[in-house]
């Protein structure tokens, strides 16, 4: 520890080996050692003793729609990354759609990177997009450093990002498998959606009926079959249907390379409590019933579901009308994701080590971010300092994302993020932010 520039000390440090009292030495933005709590601080090093607050690795959110450029009035890198930092997230990976242009060519990626470069308060990486007709762009995007490719199996909601049919999915998967890339998929079957009742209006029950579990289950089964055919790596985005869990478990047992994520809103909100007309709760796939939620938690506990990400998908408030059929579908959750998940996790008997595994370790692994996701020597010195027993009531006016629409308004949550650190530099403390110093990340070859 003799070369340490900074030592962070806590009675509760979450490491890969468990939670313990420790002193974490940092030099050059990297963790150099995790030492006993009473380790001597070397001359010249600054000590930050956070007492009994928990020191956990900065969260890694691999599912964020920043929308910048093109729909910056919905969200931008400045506001999204401030919201992330406020919630203990130190790395996010931006989705390729809802910005204009979408990240579907190398030229479009460069545009996105230029826009983000001086606005990011946290580290930012990028997914590419797989569209009908852009197979030729997939390898160049991979070589340019995207972390994988997003595809829809049903309409995306924006015209510039059309979905793949099964033949187009096969062509994209064959190409991606050839360079061992990763395809991440919004899995809802368009035929099931078209056959479902589409009544519109303010009743949440009608909206839920319009996005049945069978649409997810059928699409996931087809995706698994294609992944098996090509030996490809695939990841199921924002899983909401618990009925698909046996399909995923069976495929893994057979050696199919499939992973899955779910989201805080599926784990903490239920269909039974969504008020009619409250489209701040609208997302696709939808928030389902409490019994379904219980099974998602069970799947997290047994590893069938790998990780938890926000699917932060904001819009301007005027697009959140009281008609569930026409309102924009998306929930803004960056700033509140840790507290929301922790509040429900502790109620169900899970610990913060579980939350770190789901929201930092495994998300970093999904994207191949081997310097993120853990407090151990050689990793980036990215931390969140959390008071896990303190509570707060969600006030939309206190949120950092651009349009302060939230499904969590008025809820009391456990877990207050006291400060957030990026590569050994405190970037947020008690709602005060430093200038943006986040880096743009690319996939490690």
Protein backbone atom coordinates (compact mmCIF):
# COMPACT_ATOMS: atom_id res chain seq x y z
CA UNK A 1 0.00 0.00 0.00
CA UNK A 2 3.06 2.26 0.04
CA UNK A 3 2.15 3.84 -3.31
CA UNK A 4 -1.47 4.51 -2.37
CA UNK A 5 -2.89 7.94 -3.08
CA UNK A 6 -6.24 7.25 -1.42
CA UNK A 7 -7.48 4.83 1.22
CA UNK A 8 -11.21 4.24 1.68
CA UNK A 9 -12.07 2.58 4.97
CA UNK A 10 -15.33 1.02 6.10
CA UNK A 11 -16.50 -1.52 8.62
CA UNK A 12 -18.52 -3.09 5.78
CA UNK A 13 -16.78 -3.53 2.43
CA UNK A 14 -18.42 -5.89 -0.06
CA UNK A 15 -15.72 -7.94 -1.80
CA UNK A 16 -15.91 -11.12 -3.90
CA UNK A 17 -14.98 -13.06 -0.76
CA UNK A 18 -17.77 -11.50 1.30
CA UNK A 19 -18.40 -8.47 3.47
CA UNK A 20 -15.74 -7.42 5.94
CA UNK A 21 -14.13 -4.45 7.61
CA UNK A 22 -11.36 -3.28 5.32
CA UNK A 23 -9.21 -0.49 3.97
CA UNK A 24 -9.16 -0.21 0.18
CA UNK A 25 -6.00 1.30 -1.30
CA UNK A 26 -6.21 3.22 -4.56
CA UNK A 27 -3.50 4.54 -6.88
CA UNK A 28 -3.86 5.86 -10.42
CA UNK A 29 -7.59 5.20 -10.40
CA UNK A 30 -7.09 1.48 -9.70
CA UNK A 31 -7.63 -0.59 -6.58
CA UNK A 32 -4.17 -1.74 -5.52
CA UNK A 33 -5.05 -3.69 -2.37
CA UNK A 34 -7.86 -4.64 -0.01
CA UNK A 35 -6.30 -4.65 3.43
CA UNK A 36 -7.33 -5.07 7.05
CA UNK A 37 -9.47 -2.30 8.48
CA UNK A 38 -6.69 -1.03 10.74
CA UNK A 39 -3.96 -1.07 8.09
CA UNK A 40 -1.57 1.86 8.38
CA UNK A 41 -2.21 4.70 5.97
CA UNK A 42 1.01 5.49 4.09
CA UNK A 43 2.50 8.97 4.15
CA UNK A 44 0.94 11.20 1.52
CA UNK A 45 -2.21 9.10 1.09
CA UNK A 46 -5.60 10.61 1.85
CA UNK A 47 -7.86 8.64 4.17
CA UNK A 48 -11.63 8.61 3.63
CA UNK A 49 -13.23 6.76 6.52
CA UNK A 50 -16.93 6.19 5.81
CA UNK A 51 -17.52 4.50 9.15
CA UNK A 52 -20.33 1.96 9.14
CA UNK A 53 -21.67 2.93 5.74
CA UNK A 54 -21.31 0.11 3.22
CA UNK A 55 -18.62 0.41 0.55
CA UNK A 56 -19.78 -1.49 -2.50
CA UNK A 57 -18.52 -1.62 -6.08
CA UNK A 58 -20.06 0.96 -8.37
CA UNK A 59 -23.08 -0.51 -10.14
CA UNK A 60 -22.92 -1.40 -13.84
CA UNK A 61 -26.16 -0.79 -15.74
CA UNK A 62 -26.08 -2.44 -19.15
CA UNK A 63 -29.54 -1.33 -20.29
CA UNK A 64 -29.97 2.44 -20.60
CA UNK A 65 -31.65 4.54 -23.30
CA UNK A 66 -29.93 7.92 -23.30
CA UNK A 67 -31.60 9.16 -26.56
CA UNK A 68 -28.82 11.64 -27.31
CA UNK A 69 -28.51 13.01 -30.00
CA UNK A 70 -31.82 13.38 -31.78
CA UNK A 71 -34.26 13.01 -28.90
CA UNK A 72 -32.27 14.89 -26.31
CA UNK A 73 -35.45 16.50 -25.00
CA UNK A 74 -36.29 12.99 -23.74
CA UNK A 75 -32.89 12.42 -22.11
CA UNK A 76 -29.25 13.37 -22.64
CA UNK A 77 -25.85 12.18 -21.49
CA UNK A 78 -25.45 15.04 -19.00
CA UNK A 79 -28.71 14.33 -17.18
CA UNK A 80 -28.71 10.53 -17.51
CA UNK A 81 -25.21 10.15 -16.13
CA UNK A 82 -25.93 12.52 -13.24
CA UNK A 83 -28.94 10.37 -12.38
CA UNK A 84 -26.73 7.29 -12.60
CA UNK A 85 -24.10 8.79 -10.29
CA UNK A 86 -26.78 9.85 -7.80
CA UNK A 87 -27.91 6.21 -7.66
CA UNK A 88 -24.48 4.64 -7.20
CA UNK A 89 -24.10 3.61 -10.86
CA UNK A 90 -20.59 4.25 -12.19
CA UNK A 91 -20.86 2.54 -15.59
CA UNK A 92 -23.69 2.37 -18.08
CA UNK A 93 -24.03 0.89 -21.56
CA UNK A 94 -26.24 2.88 -23.91
CA UNK A 95 -28.86 1.25 -26.09
CA UNK A 96 -28.67 1.88 -29.85
CA UNK A 97 -32.21 3.17 -30.35
CA UNK A 98 -34.27 6.25 -29.49
CA UNK A 99 -31.32 8.42 -30.48
CA UNK A 100 -31.14 9.80 -33.99
CA UNK A 101 -29.29 8.32 -35.73
CA UNK A 102 -29.48 4.88 -34.10
CA UNK A 103 -26.17 3.13 -33.40
CA UNK A 104 -26.35 0.80 -36.41
CA UNK A 105 -23.20 1.78 -38.34
CA UNK A 106 -19.69 2.80 -37.33
CA UNK A 107 -20.38 6.35 -38.52
CA UNK A 108 -23.45 6.51 -36.28
CA UNK A 109 -21.40 5.15 -33.36
CA UNK A 110 -18.84 7.91 -33.86
CA UNK A 111 -21.60 10.52 -33.76
CA UNK A 112 -22.87 9.10 -30.47
CA UNK A 113 -19.37 9.01 -28.99
CA UNK A 114 -18.68 12.64 -29.95
CA UNK A 115 -21.90 13.77 -28.30
CA UNK A 116 -21.20 11.82 -25.10
CA UNK A 117 -17.51 12.63 -24.75
CA UNK A 118 -17.68 15.79 -22.64
CA UNK A 119 -21.04 15.19 -20.94
CA UNK A 120 -20.60 11.88 -19.14
CA UNK A 121 -20.38 11.92 -15.35
CA UNK A 122 -19.87 8.12 -15.33
CA UNK A 123 -18.18 5.71 -17.74
CA UNK A 124 -20.25 4.97 -20.84
CA UNK A 125 -20.14 2.15 -23.38
CA UNK A 126 -22.39 1.43 -26.35
CA UNK A 127 -24.43 -1.39 -27.82
CA UNK A 128 -24.82 -1.62 -31.58
CA UNK A 129 -28.07 -2.42 -33.33
CA UNK A 130 -29.05 -5.37 -35.53
CA UNK A 131 -31.65 -4.32 -38.11
CA UNK A 132 -33.05 -5.85 -41.29
CA UNK A 133 -30.39 -5.27 -43.93
CA UNK A 134 -27.42 -4.22 -41.77
CA UNK A 135 -25.64 -7.56 -41.43
CA UNK A 136 -22.69 -6.02 -43.30
CA UNK A 137 -22.32 -3.43 -40.51
CA UNK A 138 -22.17 -5.87 -37.60
CA UNK A 139 -18.52 -6.94 -37.81
CA UNK A 140 -17.27 -3.35 -38.34
CA UNK A 141 -19.27 -2.23 -35.30
CA UNK A 142 -17.83 -5.13 -33.30
CA UNK A 143 -14.32 -4.13 -34.33
CA UNK A 144 -15.09 -0.51 -33.42
CA UNK A 145 -15.78 -1.61 -29.85
CA UNK A 146 -19.52 -2.00 -29.27
CA UNK A 147 -20.32 -4.53 -26.57
CA UNK A 148 -22.86 -6.46 -28.61
CA UNK A 149 -25.99 -5.96 -30.68
CA UNK A 150 -29.57 -5.14 -29.75
CA UNK A 151 -32.46 -6.57 -31.76
CA UNK A 152 -36.24 -6.54 -31.48
CA UNK A 153 -38.44 -9.46 -32.46
CA UNK A 154 -41.53 -7.20 -32.48
CA UNK A 155 -41.97 -3.52 -33.38
CA UNK A 156 -39.68 -1.30 -31.32
CA UNK A 157 -41.91 1.74 -31.10
CA UNK A 158 -39.66 3.89 -33.31
CA UNK A 159 -39.70 3.65 -37.10
CA UNK A 160 -35.93 3.95 -37.55
CA UNK A 161 -35.29 0.72 -35.61
CA UNK A 162 -37.41 -2.04 -37.23
CA UNK A 163 -37.61 -5.53 -35.81
CA UNK A 164 -36.15 -8.75 -37.19
CA UNK A 165 -38.29 -11.60 -38.48
CA UNK A 166 -37.02 -15.13 -37.96
CA UNK A 167 -35.08 -15.28 -41.25
CA UNK A 168 -33.44 -11.92 -40.53
CA UNK A 169 -32.66 -13.05 -36.98
CA UNK A 170 -30.96 -16.15 -38.38
CA UNK A 171 -28.80 -14.08 -40.73
CA UNK A 172 -27.77 -11.70 -37.98
CA UNK A 173 -27.03 -14.53 -35.53
CA UNK A 174 -24.94 -16.40 -38.08
CA UNK A 175 -22.79 -13.32 -38.61
CA UNK A 176 -22.50 -12.49 -34.91
CA UNK A 177 -21.64 -16.10 -34.03
CA UNK A 178 -18.84 -16.02 -36.61
CA UNK A 179 -16.94 -13.48 -34.48
CA UNK A 180 -18.35 -14.74 -31.16
CA UNK A 181 -20.29 -11.58 -30.48
CA UNK A 182 -23.35 -11.15 -28.28
CA UNK A 183 -26.93 -10.55 -29.40
CA UNK A 184 -29.23 -8.99 -26.81
CA UNK A 185 -32.92 -9.33 -27.63
CA UNK A 186 -36.26 -7.74 -26.87
CA UNK A 187 -38.21 -10.97 -27.06
CA UNK A 188 -41.93 -10.59 -27.74
CA UNK A 189 -43.58 -12.42 -30.62
CA UNK A 190 -45.37 -10.04 -33.02
CA UNK A 191 -48.03 -12.61 -33.99
CA UNK A 192 -49.07 -13.11 -30.36
CA UNK A 193 -49.19 -9.36 -29.88
CA UNK A 194 -51.31 -8.87 -32.99
CA UNK A 195 -53.74 -11.57 -31.84
CA UNK A 196 -54.13 -10.12 -28.34
CA UNK A 197 -57.05 -7.79 -27.55
CA UNK A 198 -56.12 -4.17 -28.30
CA UNK A 199 -58.76 -2.06 -26.60
CA UNK A 200 -56.75 1.02 -25.65
CA UNK A 201 -57.87 3.47 -23.02
CA UNK A 202 -56.88 4.08 -19.40
CA UNK A 203 -57.48 0.63 -17.85
CA UNK A 204 -54.22 -1.09 -16.93
CA UNK A 205 -55.91 -4.49 -17.12
CA UNK A 206 -56.59 -3.87 -20.82
CA UNK A 207 -52.98 -2.93 -21.48
CA UNK A 208 -51.74 -6.01 -19.62
CA UNK A 209 -54.02 -8.21 -21.76
CA UNK A 210 -52.52 -6.64 -24.89
CA UNK A 211 -49.00 -7.87 -23.97
CA UNK A 212 -49.61 -11.48 -22.88
CA UNK A 213 -46.98 -13.73 -21.35
CA UNK A 214 -47.29 -16.00 -24.37
CA UNK A 215 -45.73 -13.32 -26.57
CA UNK A 216 -42.58 -13.44 -24.45
CA UNK A 217 -42.57 -17.21 -24.06
CA UNK A 218 -42.91 -17.89 -27.81
CA UNK A 219 -40.24 -15.38 -28.76
CA UNK A 220 -37.82 -16.73 -26.16
CA UNK A 221 -38.36 -20.30 -27.35
CA UNK A 222 -37.63 -19.23 -30.94
CA UNK A 223 -34.54 -17.28 -29.88
CA UNK A 224 -33.19 -20.25 -27.95
CA UNK A 225 -33.73 -22.49 -30.98
CA UNK A 226 -31.78 -20.08 -33.18
CA UNK A 227 -28.99 -19.75 -30.61
CA UNK A 228 -28.75 -23.53 -30.43
CA UNK A 229 -28.63 -23.76 -34.23
CA UNK A 230 -25.73 -21.32 -34.59
CA UNK A 231 -23.92 -21.87 -31.29
CA UNK A 232 -24.45 -18.16 -30.66
CA UNK A 233 -24.42 -16.13 -27.46
CA UNK A 234 -27.78 -14.51 -26.75
CA UNK A 235 -29.13 -12.46 -23.87
CA UNK A 236 -32.82 -11.99 -23.07
CA UNK A 237 -33.63 -8.40 -22.19
CA UNK A 238 -36.06 -7.23 -19.48
CA UNK A 239 -37.65 -10.61 -18.76
CA UNK A 240 -41.10 -10.15 -17.31
CA UNK A 241 -42.86 -13.49 -17.89
CA UNK A 242 -42.06 -16.11 -15.26
CA UNK A 243 -43.52 -18.74 -17.60
CA UNK A 244 -40.34 -18.52 -19.69
CA UNK A 245 -38.05 -19.47 -16.81
CA UNK A 246 -38.18 -23.26 -17.41
CA UNK A 247 -37.28 -22.68 -21.08
CA UNK A 248 -34.18 -20.73 -20.07
CA UNK A 249 -33.13 -23.23 -17.40
CA UNK A 250 -33.55 -26.18 -19.76
CA UNK A 251 -31.62 -24.47 -22.56
CA UNK A 252 -28.71 -23.74 -20.24
CA UNK A 253 -28.65 -27.30 -19.03
CA UNK A 254 -28.36 -28.33 -22.67
CA UNK A 255 -25.38 -26.01 -23.22
CA UNK A 256 -27.12 -23.18 -25.04
CA UNK A 257 -25.32 -19.93 -24.32
CA UNK A 258 -28.26 -17.89 -23.07
CA UNK A 259 -28.45 -15.38 -20.24
CA UNK A 260 -31.31 -13.24 -18.98
CA UNK A 261 -31.98 -10.04 -17.09
CA UNK A 262 -34.93 -8.51 -15.33
CA UNK A 263 -35.61 -4.99 -14.08
CA UNK A 264 -36.37 -3.21 -10.81
CA UNK A 265 -39.93 -2.42 -11.87
CA UNK A 266 -40.74 -6.09 -12.42
CA UNK A 267 -39.26 -6.91 -9.01
CA UNK A 268 -40.84 -4.11 -6.99
CA UNK A 269 -44.11 -3.10 -8.68
CA UNK A 270 -47.14 -5.28 -9.41
CA UNK A 271 -50.05 -5.11 -11.85
CA UNK A 272 -52.51 -5.17 -8.96
CA UNK A 273 -51.29 -1.79 -7.71
CA UNK A 274 -51.05 0.13 -11.00
CA UNK A 275 -53.77 2.80 -11.07
CA UNK A 276 -55.84 3.18 -14.20
CA UNK A 277 -54.52 6.00 -16.38
CA UNK A 278 -51.09 5.97 -14.66
CA UNK A 279 -48.92 5.46 -17.72
CA UNK A 280 -45.76 6.22 -15.76
CA UNK A 281 -46.06 2.48 -15.04
CA UNK A 282 -46.22 1.53 -18.74
CA UNK A 283 -43.36 -0.51 -20.15
CA UNK A 284 -43.03 -3.36 -22.63
CA UNK A 285 -43.12 -6.16 -21.63
CA UNK A 286 -45.49 -5.01 -18.90
CA UNK A 287 -45.39 -5.12 -15.13
CA UNK A 288 -47.22 -8.35 -14.26
CA UNK A 289 -48.95 -9.83 -11.24
CA UNK A 290 -47.54 -10.39 -7.75
CA UNK A 291 -47.39 -14.17 -8.17
CA UNK A 292 -45.31 -13.70 -11.32
CA UNK A 293 -42.99 -11.35 -9.39
CA UNK A 294 -42.40 -13.98 -6.72
CA UNK A 295 -41.14 -16.40 -9.36
CA UNK A 296 -38.78 -13.78 -10.82
CA UNK A 297 -37.23 -13.34 -7.38
CA UNK A 298 -36.87 -17.09 -7.05
CA UNK A 299 -35.14 -17.20 -10.45
CA UNK A 300 -32.70 -14.51 -9.36
CA UNK A 301 -31.92 -16.48 -6.24
CA UNK A 302 -31.27 -19.72 -8.14
CA UNK A 303 -29.37 -18.07 -11.00
CA UNK A 304 -31.84 -18.68 -13.83
CA UNK A 305 -32.02 -14.89 -14.16
CA UNK A 306 -28.51 -13.47 -14.14
CA UNK A 307 -28.82 -9.78 -13.44
CA UNK A 308 -30.93 -6.69 -12.82
CA UNK A 309 -30.75 -3.58 -15.02
CA UNK A 310 -32.92 -0.49 -15.25
CA UNK A 311 -34.08 -0.36 -18.88
CA UNK A 312 -34.14 3.39 -18.23
CA UNK A 313 -36.38 4.52 -21.08
CA UNK A 314 -37.53 8.10 -20.55
CA UNK A 315 -39.66 10.46 -22.59
CA UNK A 316 -41.12 13.91 -22.25
CA UNK A 317 -44.05 14.12 -19.87
CA UNK A 318 -46.56 14.90 -22.63
CA UNK A 319 -45.98 11.44 -24.14
CA UNK A 320 -47.16 9.81 -20.91
CA UNK A 321 -50.87 10.23 -21.64
CA UNK A 322 -53.60 8.42 -19.70
CA UNK A 323 -54.24 6.09 -22.67
CA UNK A 324 -52.06 3.02 -22.18
CA UNK A 325 -52.27 2.14 -25.87
CA UNK A 326 -50.73 5.39 -27.10
CA UNK A 327 -48.57 6.50 -24.16
CA UNK A 328 -44.82 6.06 -24.49
CA UNK A 329 -43.71 2.79 -22.94
CA UNK A 330 -40.74 3.17 -20.65
CA UNK A 331 -39.81 3.61 -16.99
CA UNK A 332 -37.09 5.98 -15.81
CA UNK A 333 -35.17 4.23 -13.06
CA UNK A 334 -31.47 5.11 -13.06
CA UNK A 335 -31.35 7.11 -9.85
CA UNK A 336 -33.69 4.83 -7.89
CA UNK A 337 -32.72 1.34 -9.06
CA UNK A 338 -30.38 0.44 -6.20
CA UNK A 339 -32.76 1.65 -3.50
CA UNK A 340 -35.79 0.06 -5.13
CA UNK A 341 -34.15 -3.35 -5.49
CA UNK A 342 -32.53 -3.22 -2.06
CA UNK A 343 -35.83 -2.29 -0.39
CA UNK A 344 -37.57 -5.36 -1.79
CA UNK A 345 -34.51 -7.63 -1.52
CA UNK A 346 -34.12 -7.02 2.21
CA UNK A 347 -37.84 -7.63 2.73
CA UNK A 348 -37.42 -11.01 1.06
CA UNK A 349 -34.35 -11.96 3.08
CA UNK A 350 -31.61 -11.17 0.57
CA UNK A 351 -28.44 -9.28 1.45
CA UNK A 352 -26.49 -6.50 -0.19
CA UNK A 353 -24.01 -9.08 -1.45
CA UNK A 354 -26.84 -10.49 -3.58
CA UNK A 355 -27.72 -7.04 -4.92
CA UNK A 356 -24.08 -6.41 -5.83
CA UNK A 357 -23.94 -9.74 -7.63
CA UNK A 358 -27.06 -8.94 -9.67
CA UNK A 359 -26.37 -5.26 -10.39
CA UNK A 360 -22.59 -5.00 -10.61
CA UNK A 361 -20.68 -8.28 -10.84
CA UNK A 362 -22.87 -10.05 -13.38
CA UNK A 363 -23.68 -7.00 -15.47
CA UNK A 364 -19.97 -6.27 -15.78
CA UNK A 365 -19.42 -9.87 -16.80
CA UNK A 366 -22.21 -9.69 -19.39
CA UNK A 367 -20.52 -6.79 -21.15
CA UNK A 368 -16.99 -8.14 -20.67
CA UNK A 369 -16.00 -5.21 -18.45
CA UNK A 370 -13.27 -7.00 -16.55
CA UNK A 371 -12.14 -3.87 -14.68
CA UNK A 372 -15.61 -3.25 -13.26
CA UNK A 373 -17.96 -5.03 -10.91
CA UNK A 374 -15.88 -5.88 -7.84
CA UNK A 375 -13.73 -4.44 -5.07
CA UNK A 376 -10.45 -6.26 -5.57
CA UNK A 377 -6.93 -5.42 -6.66
CA UNK A 378 -6.60 -4.57 -10.35
CA UNK A 379 -10.16 -3.28 -10.79
CA UNK A 380 -11.17 0.32 -11.37
CA UNK A 381 -11.66 2.18 -8.11
CA UNK A 382 -15.40 2.65 -8.67
CA UNK A 383 -17.47 2.72 -5.49
CA UNK A 384 -20.83 3.60 -4.02
CA UNK A 385 -21.07 4.48 -0.34
CA UNK A 386 -24.47 3.36 0.92
CA UNK A 387 -26.39 3.90 4.14
CA UNK A 388 -28.52 0.76 3.78
CA UNK A 389 -30.83 1.35 6.72
CA UNK A 390 -31.64 4.99 6.00
CA UNK A 391 -34.87 5.72 4.15
CA UNK A 392 -36.16 8.44 1.86
CA UNK A 393 -39.44 9.20 0.17
CA UNK A 394 -39.22 9.58 -3.59
CA UNK A 395 -39.79 13.18 -4.64
CA UNK A 396 -39.82 13.60 -8.44
CA UNK A 397 -38.41 17.11 -8.06
CA UNK A 398 -35.22 15.61 -6.56
CA UNK A 399 -34.51 13.36 -9.54
CA UNK A 400 -31.65 14.13 -11.89
CA UNK A 401 -32.95 12.65 -15.14
CA UNK A 402 -34.31 15.19 -17.60
CA UNK A 403 -38.04 14.50 -17.38
CA UNK A 404 -38.99 13.81 -13.79
CA UNK A 405 -41.67 11.23 -14.44
CA UNK A 406 -41.42 8.23 -12.13
CA UNK A 407 -43.46 5.20 -11.14
CA UNK A 408 -41.90 5.43 -7.66
CA UNK A 409 -43.28 8.85 -6.66
CA UNK A 410 -44.23 8.92 -2.98
CA UNK A 411 -42.69 5.54 -2.17
CA UNK A 412 -40.43 5.17 0.84
CA UNK A 413 -37.25 3.31 -0.05
CA UNK A 414 -34.32 1.96 1.95
CA UNK A 415 -30.75 2.77 1.00
CA UNK A 416 -29.32 6.27 0.66
CA UNK A 417 -26.30 6.71 -1.60
CA UNK A 418 -23.99 9.04 0.32
CA UNK A 419 -21.29 9.32 -2.32
CA UNK A 420 -20.17 7.82 -5.62
CA UNK A 421 -16.57 7.37 -6.76
CA UNK A 422 -15.20 6.86 -10.27
CA UNK A 423 -11.61 5.61 -10.55
CA UNK A 424 -10.79 6.94 -7.11
CA UNK A 425 -12.41 10.34 -7.65
CA UNK A 426 -15.53 11.36 -5.77
CA UNK A 427 -18.03 12.40 -8.44
CA UNK A 428 -21.13 12.83 -6.27
CA UNK A 429 -21.74 13.41 -2.60
CA UNK A 430 -25.11 14.17 -1.02
CA UNK A 431 -26.52 15.35 -4.33
CA UNK A 432 -23.59 17.62 -5.25
CA UNK A 433 -21.71 16.73 -8.45
CA UNK A 434 -18.26 17.38 -9.85
CA UNK A 435 -17.65 18.23 -13.49
CA UNK A 436 -18.13 15.25 -15.84
CA UNK A 437 -15.01 13.07 -16.10
CA UNK A 438 -16.51 9.78 -17.31
CA UNK A 439 -14.70 7.85 -20.01
CA UNK A 440 -16.05 6.29 -23.16
CA UNK A 441 -15.57 2.53 -22.99
CA UNK A 442 -15.07 0.05 -25.79
CA UNK A 443 -15.15 -3.72 -25.79
CA UNK A 444 -11.87 -5.34 -24.85
CA UNK A 445 -10.60 -7.37 -27.85
